[in-house]
N, C-alpha and C. Protein backbone atom coordinates (compact mmCIF):
# COMPACT_ATOMS: atom_id res chain seq x y z
N MET A 1 52.47 -23.12 62.51
CA MET A 1 53.85 -22.72 62.69
C MET A 1 54.73 -23.67 61.89
N GLU A 2 55.75 -23.12 61.25
CA GLU A 2 56.71 -23.94 60.52
C GLU A 2 58.12 -23.52 60.92
N ILE A 3 58.95 -24.50 61.18
CA ILE A 3 60.34 -24.27 61.56
C ILE A 3 61.19 -24.96 60.51
N VAL A 4 62.14 -24.23 59.92
CA VAL A 4 62.96 -24.81 58.86
C VAL A 4 64.43 -24.59 59.16
N GLY A 5 65.24 -25.49 58.62
CA GLY A 5 66.68 -25.38 58.75
C GLY A 5 67.35 -26.15 57.63
N HIS A 6 68.60 -25.81 57.37
CA HIS A 6 69.37 -26.42 56.29
C HIS A 6 70.81 -26.57 56.74
N VAL A 7 71.45 -27.60 56.21
CA VAL A 7 72.88 -27.79 56.45
C VAL A 7 73.45 -28.62 55.30
N ILE A 8 74.70 -28.37 54.97
CA ILE A 8 75.40 -29.20 53.99
C ILE A 8 76.37 -30.10 54.76
N VAL A 9 76.31 -31.39 54.45
CA VAL A 9 77.16 -32.39 55.09
C VAL A 9 78.10 -32.95 54.03
N ARG A 10 79.38 -32.99 54.33
CA ARG A 10 80.36 -33.52 53.37
C ARG A 10 80.42 -35.04 53.46
N ARG A 11 79.29 -35.65 53.12
CA ARG A 11 79.16 -37.11 53.08
C ARG A 11 78.16 -37.47 51.99
N PRO A 12 78.21 -38.70 51.46
CA PRO A 12 77.26 -39.11 50.43
C PRO A 12 75.82 -39.13 50.94
N VAL A 13 74.90 -38.92 50.03
CA VAL A 13 73.49 -38.79 50.40
C VAL A 13 72.95 -40.03 51.10
N ASP A 14 73.34 -41.22 50.69
CA ASP A 14 72.81 -42.42 51.34
C ASP A 14 73.29 -42.55 52.78
N VAL A 15 74.50 -42.13 53.07
CA VAL A 15 75.04 -42.16 54.43
C VAL A 15 74.29 -41.16 55.31
N VAL A 16 74.05 -39.97 54.78
CA VAL A 16 73.34 -38.92 55.53
C VAL A 16 71.90 -39.36 55.78
N PHE A 17 71.24 -39.89 54.76
CA PHE A 17 69.87 -40.38 54.91
C PHE A 17 69.79 -41.43 56.02
N ASP A 18 70.67 -42.42 55.99
CA ASP A 18 70.64 -43.49 56.99
C ASP A 18 70.86 -42.96 58.40
N PHE A 19 71.72 -41.98 58.55
CA PHE A 19 71.95 -41.37 59.86
C PHE A 19 70.66 -40.74 60.39
N PHE A 20 70.00 -39.94 59.57
CA PHE A 20 68.77 -39.28 60.00
C PHE A 20 67.63 -40.27 60.18
N ALA A 21 67.62 -41.35 59.41
CA ALA A 21 66.55 -42.35 59.52
C ALA A 21 66.59 -43.08 60.86
N ASP A 22 67.76 -43.16 61.47
CA ASP A 22 67.89 -43.83 62.76
C ASP A 22 67.63 -42.83 63.88
N MET A 23 66.36 -42.67 64.23
CA MET A 23 66.00 -41.68 65.24
C MET A 23 66.56 -41.99 66.62
N ALA A 24 67.08 -43.20 66.82
CA ALA A 24 67.73 -43.52 68.09
C ALA A 24 68.96 -42.64 68.31
N ARG A 25 69.43 -41.96 67.26
CA ARG A 25 70.58 -41.05 67.37
C ARG A 25 70.17 -39.66 67.89
N LEU A 26 68.87 -39.41 68.03
CA LEU A 26 68.41 -38.07 68.44
C LEU A 26 69.04 -37.55 69.73
N PRO A 27 69.23 -38.36 70.77
CA PRO A 27 69.86 -37.80 71.97
C PRO A 27 71.26 -37.24 71.72
N GLU A 28 71.98 -37.78 70.73
CA GLU A 28 73.29 -37.23 70.37
C GLU A 28 73.15 -35.91 69.63
N VAL A 29 72.15 -35.84 68.76
CA VAL A 29 71.96 -34.68 67.90
C VAL A 29 71.19 -33.58 68.62
N ALA A 30 70.24 -33.98 69.45
CA ALA A 30 69.33 -33.02 70.09
C ALA A 30 69.26 -33.24 71.60
N PRO A 31 70.40 -33.14 72.29
CA PRO A 31 70.37 -33.37 73.75
C PRO A 31 69.56 -32.32 74.50
N GLU A 32 69.30 -31.19 73.86
CA GLU A 32 68.46 -30.15 74.49
C GLU A 32 67.03 -30.64 74.68
N ASP A 33 66.62 -31.58 73.82
CA ASP A 33 65.21 -31.99 73.79
C ASP A 33 64.95 -33.44 74.20
N PHE A 34 65.92 -34.34 74.00
CA PHE A 34 65.65 -35.77 74.19
C PHE A 34 66.55 -36.40 75.25
N VAL A 35 65.93 -37.16 76.15
CA VAL A 35 66.65 -37.95 77.13
C VAL A 35 67.02 -39.29 76.52
N SER A 36 66.05 -39.91 75.84
CA SER A 36 66.31 -41.21 75.23
C SER A 36 65.37 -41.43 74.05
N VAL A 37 65.83 -42.27 73.12
CA VAL A 37 65.02 -42.71 71.98
C VAL A 37 65.39 -44.17 71.72
N ALA A 38 64.37 -45.03 71.58
CA ALA A 38 64.61 -46.44 71.30
C ALA A 38 63.71 -46.89 70.15
N ARG A 39 64.26 -47.74 69.29
CA ARG A 39 63.46 -48.27 68.19
C ARG A 39 62.60 -49.42 68.70
N ASP A 40 61.32 -49.38 68.34
CA ASP A 40 60.35 -50.40 68.77
C ASP A 40 60.13 -51.49 67.74
N THR A 41 60.61 -51.27 66.53
CA THR A 41 60.37 -52.19 65.43
C THR A 41 61.68 -52.87 65.03
N PRO A 42 61.62 -54.06 64.41
CA PRO A 42 62.85 -54.80 64.08
C PRO A 42 63.61 -54.17 62.91
N ASP A 43 64.86 -54.63 62.75
CA ASP A 43 65.67 -54.23 61.60
C ASP A 43 65.02 -54.70 60.32
N PRO A 44 65.31 -54.09 59.23
CA PRO A 44 66.04 -52.83 59.10
C PRO A 44 65.10 -51.64 59.33
N ILE A 45 65.70 -50.48 59.55
CA ILE A 45 64.90 -49.26 59.64
C ILE A 45 64.28 -49.00 58.28
N GLY A 46 63.00 -48.70 58.25
CA GLY A 46 62.32 -48.47 56.99
C GLY A 46 60.94 -47.89 57.20
N PRO A 47 60.09 -48.00 56.18
CA PRO A 47 58.73 -47.47 56.30
C PRO A 47 58.05 -48.07 57.54
N LEU A 48 57.38 -47.22 58.26
CA LEU A 48 56.62 -47.58 59.46
C LEU A 48 57.49 -47.97 60.65
N SER A 49 58.81 -47.77 60.56
CA SER A 49 59.63 -47.96 61.76
C SER A 49 59.14 -46.98 62.82
N ARG A 50 59.05 -47.49 64.05
CA ARG A 50 58.53 -46.66 65.14
C ARG A 50 59.58 -46.56 66.24
N PHE A 51 59.65 -45.37 66.85
CA PHE A 51 60.61 -45.07 67.90
C PHE A 51 59.87 -44.50 69.10
N THR A 52 60.24 -44.94 70.29
CA THR A 52 59.70 -44.38 71.53
C THR A 52 60.74 -43.42 72.09
N TYR A 53 60.28 -42.25 72.52
CA TYR A 53 61.21 -41.25 73.05
C TYR A 53 60.74 -40.72 74.39
N VAL A 54 61.70 -40.17 75.13
CA VAL A 54 61.43 -39.42 76.35
C VAL A 54 62.06 -38.05 76.15
N MET A 55 61.23 -37.00 76.30
CA MET A 55 61.72 -35.63 76.13
C MET A 55 62.20 -35.09 77.48
N LYS A 56 63.08 -34.13 77.42
CA LYS A 56 63.55 -33.48 78.65
C LYS A 56 62.44 -32.69 79.32
N ARG A 57 61.70 -31.93 78.52
CA ARG A 57 60.63 -31.11 79.10
C ARG A 57 59.50 -32.01 79.58
N ALA A 58 59.20 -31.89 80.84
CA ALA A 58 58.07 -32.61 81.45
C ALA A 58 58.23 -34.13 81.36
N ARG A 59 59.43 -34.60 80.96
CA ARG A 59 59.66 -36.05 80.82
C ARG A 59 58.55 -36.72 80.01
N ALA A 60 58.06 -36.01 79.01
CA ALA A 60 57.00 -36.52 78.14
C ALA A 60 57.52 -37.74 77.39
N LYS A 61 56.69 -38.77 77.30
CA LYS A 61 57.04 -40.00 76.59
C LYS A 61 56.00 -40.25 75.51
N SER A 62 56.48 -40.57 74.31
CA SER A 62 55.56 -40.86 73.21
C SER A 62 56.32 -41.58 72.11
N THR A 63 55.75 -41.58 70.90
CA THR A 63 56.36 -42.29 69.78
C THR A 63 56.40 -41.42 68.54
N TYR A 64 57.35 -41.75 67.66
CA TYR A 64 57.43 -41.22 66.29
C TYR A 64 57.35 -42.42 65.36
N GLU A 65 56.86 -42.18 64.16
CA GLU A 65 56.82 -43.23 63.16
C GLU A 65 57.14 -42.62 61.80
N TRP A 66 57.90 -43.34 60.98
CA TRP A 66 58.16 -42.88 59.62
C TRP A 66 56.91 -43.08 58.79
N GLU A 67 56.33 -41.99 58.31
CA GLU A 67 55.17 -42.03 57.40
C GLU A 67 55.64 -42.20 55.96
N THR A 68 56.74 -41.51 55.65
CA THR A 68 57.32 -41.57 54.31
C THR A 68 58.78 -41.93 54.46
N PHE A 69 59.21 -42.92 53.70
CA PHE A 69 60.59 -43.39 53.76
C PHE A 69 61.03 -43.64 52.33
N GLU A 70 61.55 -42.59 51.69
CA GLU A 70 61.96 -42.65 50.28
C GLU A 70 63.48 -42.52 50.22
N ARG A 71 64.16 -43.63 50.45
CA ARG A 71 65.62 -43.62 50.49
C ARG A 71 66.17 -43.35 49.10
N PRO A 72 67.09 -42.42 48.94
CA PRO A 72 67.74 -41.58 49.92
C PRO A 72 67.29 -40.12 49.84
N ARG A 73 66.06 -39.87 49.51
CA ARG A 73 65.60 -38.49 49.24
C ARG A 73 64.75 -37.83 50.33
N ARG A 74 63.86 -38.61 50.99
CA ARG A 74 62.87 -37.94 51.85
C ARG A 74 62.42 -38.85 52.99
N LEU A 75 62.32 -38.23 54.17
CA LEU A 75 61.77 -38.87 55.36
C LEU A 75 60.69 -37.95 55.94
N VAL A 76 59.55 -38.52 56.28
CA VAL A 76 58.48 -37.76 56.96
C VAL A 76 58.07 -38.55 58.19
N TRP A 77 58.00 -37.89 59.32
CA TRP A 77 57.62 -38.54 60.57
C TRP A 77 56.51 -37.77 61.25
N SER A 78 55.80 -38.47 62.11
CA SER A 78 54.77 -37.83 62.93
C SER A 78 54.61 -38.62 64.20
N GLY A 79 53.92 -38.00 65.14
CA GLY A 79 53.65 -38.66 66.40
C GLY A 79 52.35 -38.16 66.99
N PRO A 80 51.80 -38.90 67.93
CA PRO A 80 50.54 -38.50 68.55
C PRO A 80 50.71 -37.29 69.46
N ARG A 81 49.62 -36.76 69.87
CA ARG A 81 49.58 -35.61 70.79
C ARG A 81 50.30 -35.95 72.09
N VAL A 82 51.11 -34.97 72.56
CA VAL A 82 51.88 -35.13 73.78
C VAL A 82 51.60 -33.93 74.68
N ASP A 83 51.31 -34.19 75.95
CA ASP A 83 51.11 -33.11 76.92
C ASP A 83 52.47 -32.59 77.35
N ILE A 84 52.70 -31.30 77.11
CA ILE A 84 53.96 -30.66 77.48
C ILE A 84 53.63 -29.30 78.08
N GLY A 85 54.12 -29.08 79.29
CA GLY A 85 53.92 -27.78 79.93
C GLY A 85 52.45 -27.46 80.08
N PRO A 86 52.09 -26.23 79.72
CA PRO A 86 50.70 -25.78 79.92
C PRO A 86 49.76 -26.16 78.79
N GLY A 87 50.14 -27.11 77.97
CA GLY A 87 49.30 -27.48 76.84
C GLY A 87 49.77 -28.78 76.23
N TRP A 88 49.65 -28.87 74.92
CA TRP A 88 50.03 -30.09 74.22
C TRP A 88 50.62 -29.74 72.86
N VAL A 89 51.23 -30.74 72.23
CA VAL A 89 51.79 -30.58 70.90
C VAL A 89 51.63 -31.89 70.13
N GLU A 90 51.35 -31.76 68.84
CA GLU A 90 51.39 -32.89 67.91
C GLU A 90 52.54 -32.61 66.96
N PHE A 91 53.45 -33.58 66.83
CA PHE A 91 54.65 -33.38 66.04
C PHE A 91 54.49 -33.90 64.62
N TRP A 92 55.05 -33.17 63.67
CA TRP A 92 55.18 -33.59 62.27
C TRP A 92 56.49 -33.00 61.77
N GLY A 93 57.24 -33.78 61.02
CA GLY A 93 58.49 -33.26 60.49
C GLY A 93 58.89 -33.95 59.20
N GLU A 94 59.79 -33.28 58.49
CA GLU A 94 60.25 -33.80 57.20
C GLU A 94 61.72 -33.47 57.03
N TYR A 95 62.46 -34.45 56.52
CA TYR A 95 63.84 -34.24 56.09
C TYR A 95 63.89 -34.54 54.60
N MET A 96 64.54 -33.66 53.85
CA MET A 96 64.78 -33.89 52.43
C MET A 96 66.28 -33.82 52.20
N PHE A 97 66.79 -34.68 51.33
CA PHE A 97 68.21 -34.81 51.09
C PHE A 97 68.49 -34.63 49.60
N GLU A 98 69.49 -33.81 49.31
CA GLU A 98 69.81 -33.49 47.92
C GLU A 98 71.32 -33.55 47.74
N THR A 99 71.77 -34.27 46.72
CA THR A 99 73.19 -34.30 46.41
C THR A 99 73.59 -32.95 45.83
N VAL A 100 74.62 -32.36 46.43
CA VAL A 100 75.16 -31.09 45.96
C VAL A 100 76.67 -31.25 45.84
N GLU A 101 77.31 -30.30 45.20
CA GLU A 101 78.77 -30.36 45.09
C GLU A 101 79.38 -30.40 46.49
N GLY A 102 80.17 -31.41 46.73
CA GLY A 102 80.83 -31.52 48.02
C GLY A 102 80.08 -32.32 49.07
N GLY A 103 78.88 -32.81 48.75
CA GLY A 103 78.18 -33.59 49.77
C GLY A 103 76.68 -33.64 49.61
N THR A 104 75.99 -33.45 50.72
CA THR A 104 74.53 -33.59 50.77
C THR A 104 73.92 -32.38 51.47
N GLN A 105 72.94 -31.77 50.83
CA GLN A 105 72.15 -30.69 51.46
C GLN A 105 70.99 -31.36 52.20
N VAL A 106 70.86 -31.04 53.48
CA VAL A 106 69.75 -31.52 54.30
C VAL A 106 68.80 -30.36 54.52
N HIS A 107 67.53 -30.57 54.19
CA HIS A 107 66.48 -29.59 54.44
C HIS A 107 65.58 -30.18 55.53
N ALA A 108 65.41 -29.48 56.62
CA ALA A 108 64.55 -29.94 57.71
C ALA A 108 63.37 -28.99 57.83
N ARG A 109 62.19 -29.57 57.99
CA ARG A 109 60.98 -28.76 58.13
C ARG A 109 60.10 -29.43 59.18
N PHE A 110 59.76 -28.66 60.22
CA PHE A 110 58.92 -29.17 61.30
C PHE A 110 57.67 -28.30 61.42
N ARG A 111 56.55 -28.94 61.66
CA ARG A 111 55.28 -28.23 61.87
C ARG A 111 54.62 -28.73 63.15
N PRO A 112 55.02 -28.21 64.30
CA PRO A 112 54.35 -28.61 65.53
C PRO A 112 52.96 -27.96 65.60
N ASN A 113 51.98 -28.76 65.93
CA ASN A 113 50.61 -28.26 66.13
C ASN A 113 50.43 -28.07 67.64
N LEU A 114 50.33 -26.82 68.05
CA LEU A 114 50.27 -26.49 69.48
C LEU A 114 48.84 -26.33 69.95
N GLY A 115 48.57 -26.81 71.15
CA GLY A 115 47.25 -26.66 71.73
C GLY A 115 47.34 -26.22 73.19
N GLY A 116 46.18 -25.86 73.75
CA GLY A 116 46.16 -25.36 75.11
C GLY A 116 46.89 -24.03 75.18
N ALA A 117 47.47 -23.76 76.33
CA ALA A 117 48.19 -22.49 76.51
C ALA A 117 49.43 -22.40 75.63
N ASN A 118 49.92 -23.53 75.14
CA ASN A 118 51.10 -23.49 74.25
C ASN A 118 50.84 -22.67 72.99
N ARG A 119 49.57 -22.59 72.55
CA ARG A 119 49.26 -21.77 71.37
C ARG A 119 49.68 -20.32 71.56
N PHE A 120 49.51 -19.82 72.79
CA PHE A 120 49.86 -18.42 73.06
C PHE A 120 51.37 -18.22 73.15
N LEU A 121 52.09 -19.31 73.35
CA LEU A 121 53.55 -19.24 73.42
C LEU A 121 54.20 -19.48 72.06
N ALA A 122 53.39 -19.64 71.02
CA ALA A 122 53.90 -19.99 69.69
C ALA A 122 55.04 -19.09 69.21
N PRO A 123 54.95 -17.76 69.33
CA PRO A 123 56.07 -16.94 68.83
C PRO A 123 57.40 -17.24 69.54
N VAL A 124 57.34 -17.46 70.84
CA VAL A 124 58.55 -17.76 71.61
C VAL A 124 59.06 -19.16 71.26
N ILE A 125 58.14 -20.10 71.16
CA ILE A 125 58.50 -21.48 70.81
C ILE A 125 59.15 -21.53 69.43
N LYS A 126 58.62 -20.76 68.48
CA LYS A 126 59.19 -20.75 67.13
C LYS A 126 60.62 -20.21 67.14
N ILE A 127 60.86 -19.12 67.83
CA ILE A 127 62.21 -18.55 67.91
C ILE A 127 63.17 -19.56 68.54
N ARG A 128 62.77 -20.12 69.66
CA ARG A 128 63.62 -21.09 70.36
C ARG A 128 63.93 -22.28 69.46
N ASN A 129 62.90 -22.86 68.86
CA ASN A 129 63.09 -24.07 68.07
C ASN A 129 63.86 -23.81 66.78
N THR A 130 63.73 -22.63 66.19
CA THR A 130 64.51 -22.28 65.00
C THR A 130 66.00 -22.22 65.35
N LEU A 131 66.32 -21.59 66.47
CA LEU A 131 67.72 -21.50 66.91
C LEU A 131 68.27 -22.89 67.25
N VAL A 132 67.49 -23.67 67.98
CA VAL A 132 67.93 -25.00 68.40
C VAL A 132 68.08 -25.92 67.19
N LEU A 133 67.15 -25.86 66.23
CA LEU A 133 67.24 -26.70 65.04
C LEU A 133 68.55 -26.45 64.29
N GLY A 134 68.92 -25.20 64.13
CA GLY A 134 70.19 -24.89 63.46
C GLY A 134 71.37 -25.52 64.17
N ARG A 135 71.38 -25.41 65.49
CA ARG A 135 72.46 -26.01 66.29
C ARG A 135 72.44 -27.55 66.15
N GLN A 136 71.27 -28.14 66.14
CA GLN A 136 71.16 -29.60 66.04
C GLN A 136 71.59 -30.10 64.66
N LEU A 137 71.24 -29.38 63.62
CA LEU A 137 71.68 -29.77 62.27
C LEU A 137 73.20 -29.68 62.14
N ARG A 138 73.79 -28.65 62.72
CA ARG A 138 75.26 -28.53 62.69
C ARG A 138 75.91 -29.66 63.49
N ARG A 139 75.28 -30.04 64.62
CA ARG A 139 75.79 -31.15 65.42
C ARG A 139 75.72 -32.47 64.63
N ALA A 140 74.62 -32.70 63.92
CA ALA A 140 74.48 -33.90 63.07
C ALA A 140 75.56 -33.89 61.99
N ARG A 141 75.76 -32.72 61.37
CA ARG A 141 76.81 -32.61 60.34
C ARG A 141 78.17 -32.99 60.92
N ASP A 142 78.48 -32.46 62.10
CA ASP A 142 79.79 -32.73 62.70
C ASP A 142 79.94 -34.21 63.03
N LEU A 143 78.89 -34.84 63.55
CA LEU A 143 78.95 -36.28 63.84
C LEU A 143 79.18 -37.08 62.58
N LEU A 144 78.45 -36.76 61.53
CA LEU A 144 78.59 -37.48 60.25
C LEU A 144 79.97 -37.28 59.64
N GLU A 145 80.48 -36.08 59.67
CA GLU A 145 81.76 -35.81 59.04
C GLU A 145 82.91 -36.42 59.82
N ARG A 146 82.76 -36.60 61.11
CA ARG A 146 83.79 -37.26 61.92
C ARG A 146 83.84 -38.76 61.62
N GLN A 147 82.72 -39.31 61.10
CA GLN A 147 82.67 -40.73 60.77
C GLN A 147 83.42 -41.04 59.48
N ALA A 148 83.73 -40.02 58.71
CA ALA A 148 84.36 -40.23 57.39
C ALA A 148 85.71 -40.88 57.51
């Protein structure tokens, strides 16, 4: 399964990249999914920075880590298997940033690997997460543009 979303932010690419690189901001951007996110590694945020999170669903707790950190163009993250609901999920995601007229285009791509009974819920999960991702990207845009 692949979930994709895009948004244009009227801010410079390095500012947008840094905002997305700080996963501790996820509860602001994605309150539907995250209760808390904390960075486990010291400053500055960079390659192999790790974040511990608590999700709303099932209060699942786990970690994300930056696998790829190519400032200001690309971020790739992943995390270990997490038990959620009637099954489990392994998370993988990518953000790509491109300078466009008027700001920065953000491309988001997520590939959750579903297991257990969650595999059978994949069509519903994809619809839900596609809708939520769009809302979350717009929320990130609004937060960034208010900082200007």
